[in-house]
Protein backbone atom coordinates (compact mmCIF):
# COMPACT_ATOMS: atom_id res chain seq x y z
CA MET A 1 0.03 -0.06 -0.01
CA GLY A 2 1.62 3.20 -1.24
CA VAL A 3 1.08 6.87 -0.71
CA SER A 4 -0.40 7.06 -4.30
CA SER A 5 -3.29 4.49 -3.47
CA ILE A 6 -6.78 5.90 -3.42
CA TRP A 7 -7.82 3.70 -0.45
CA HIS A 8 -5.17 5.37 1.51
CA TRP A 9 -6.46 8.94 0.95
CA VAL A 10 -10.11 7.92 1.22
CA ILE A 11 -9.28 6.67 4.82
CA VAL A 12 -7.13 9.84 5.52
CA LEU A 13 -9.79 12.02 4.56
CA VAL A 14 -12.78 10.01 6.41
CA ILE A 15 -10.45 10.34 9.49
CA VAL A 16 -9.72 13.95 9.16
CA ALA A 17 -13.49 14.52 8.64
CA MET A 18 -14.36 12.71 11.83
CA VAL A 19 -11.66 14.66 13.90
CA PHE A 20 -12.25 18.19 12.70
CA GLY A 21 -15.84 17.95 11.52
CA THR A 22 -17.33 18.89 8.34
CA LYS A 23 -18.34 22.61 9.51
CA LYS A 24 -14.95 23.40 10.40
CA LEU A 25 -13.51 21.90 7.16
CA ARG A 26 -16.14 24.07 5.18
CA ASN A 27 -14.93 27.28 7.10
CA VAL A 28 -11.29 26.49 6.42
CA GLY A 29 -12.13 26.21 2.84
CA GLU A 30 -14.09 29.23 2.68
CA ASP A 31 -11.42 31.15 4.40
CA LEU A 32 -8.79 29.78 2.08
CA GLY A 33 -10.83 30.87 -0.80
CA ALA A 34 -11.35 34.31 0.21
CA ALA A 35 -7.38 34.56 0.73
CA VAL A 36 -6.70 33.62 -2.71
CA ARG A 37 -9.31 35.63 -4.01
CA GLY A 38 -7.92 38.39 -2.09
CA PHE A 39 -4.43 37.92 -3.38
CA ARG A 40 -5.58 37.78 -6.76
CA GLU A 41 -7.24 40.92 -6.66
CA GLY A 42 -3.99 42.32 -4.95
CA MET A 43 -2.01 41.16 -7.92
CA LYS A 44 -4.36 42.67 -10.48
CA THR A 45 -4.33 46.24 -8.49
CA ALA A 46 -0.46 46.10 -8.34
CA GLU A 47 -0.09 45.40 -12.32
CA GLU A 48 -2.65 48.18 -13.21
CA LYS A 49 -0.80 50.44 -10.72
CA GLU A 50 2.48 49.59 -12.41
CA ARG A 51 1.19 49.90 -16.05
CA GLU A 52 0.08 53.31 -15.11
CA SER A 53 3.20 54.52 -13.67
CA ALA A 54 5.26 53.09 -16.05
CA PRO A 55 6.35 55.18 -19.39
CA PRO A 56 4.74 53.82 -22.89
CA LEU A 57 6.94 51.39 -24.64
CA ILE A 58 8.18 52.57 -28.13
CA THR A 59 7.82 49.35 -30.45
CA ALA A 60 10.26 49.10 -33.80
CA LYS A 61 6.68 49.98 -35.59
CA ASP A 62 6.23 53.36 -33.78
CA ASP A 63 9.92 54.20 -34.27
CA GLU A 64 9.54 53.83 -37.80
CA GLU A 65 6.50 55.74 -38.21
CA GLU A 66 8.51 58.57 -36.40
CA THR A 67 11.60 58.55 -38.71
CA LYS A 68 9.45 58.37 -42.04
CA PRO A 69 9.71 61.46 -44.27
CA SER A 70 6.28 63.12 -44.87
């Protein structure tokens, strides 16, 4: 019986559910989900602030258009 056996993990999950109870496990899951959502929103906000404060990038196409004689 190895660590990757499905029955091993089923037994472990049943024991954890009996020890902690399903209500406490649900609360832990909700808290973890809220933390992940908060982290993602914080990363999006940081990226938006970085884009606003960074100078615009000049691409090769933009550079060619500026150097073309009119």
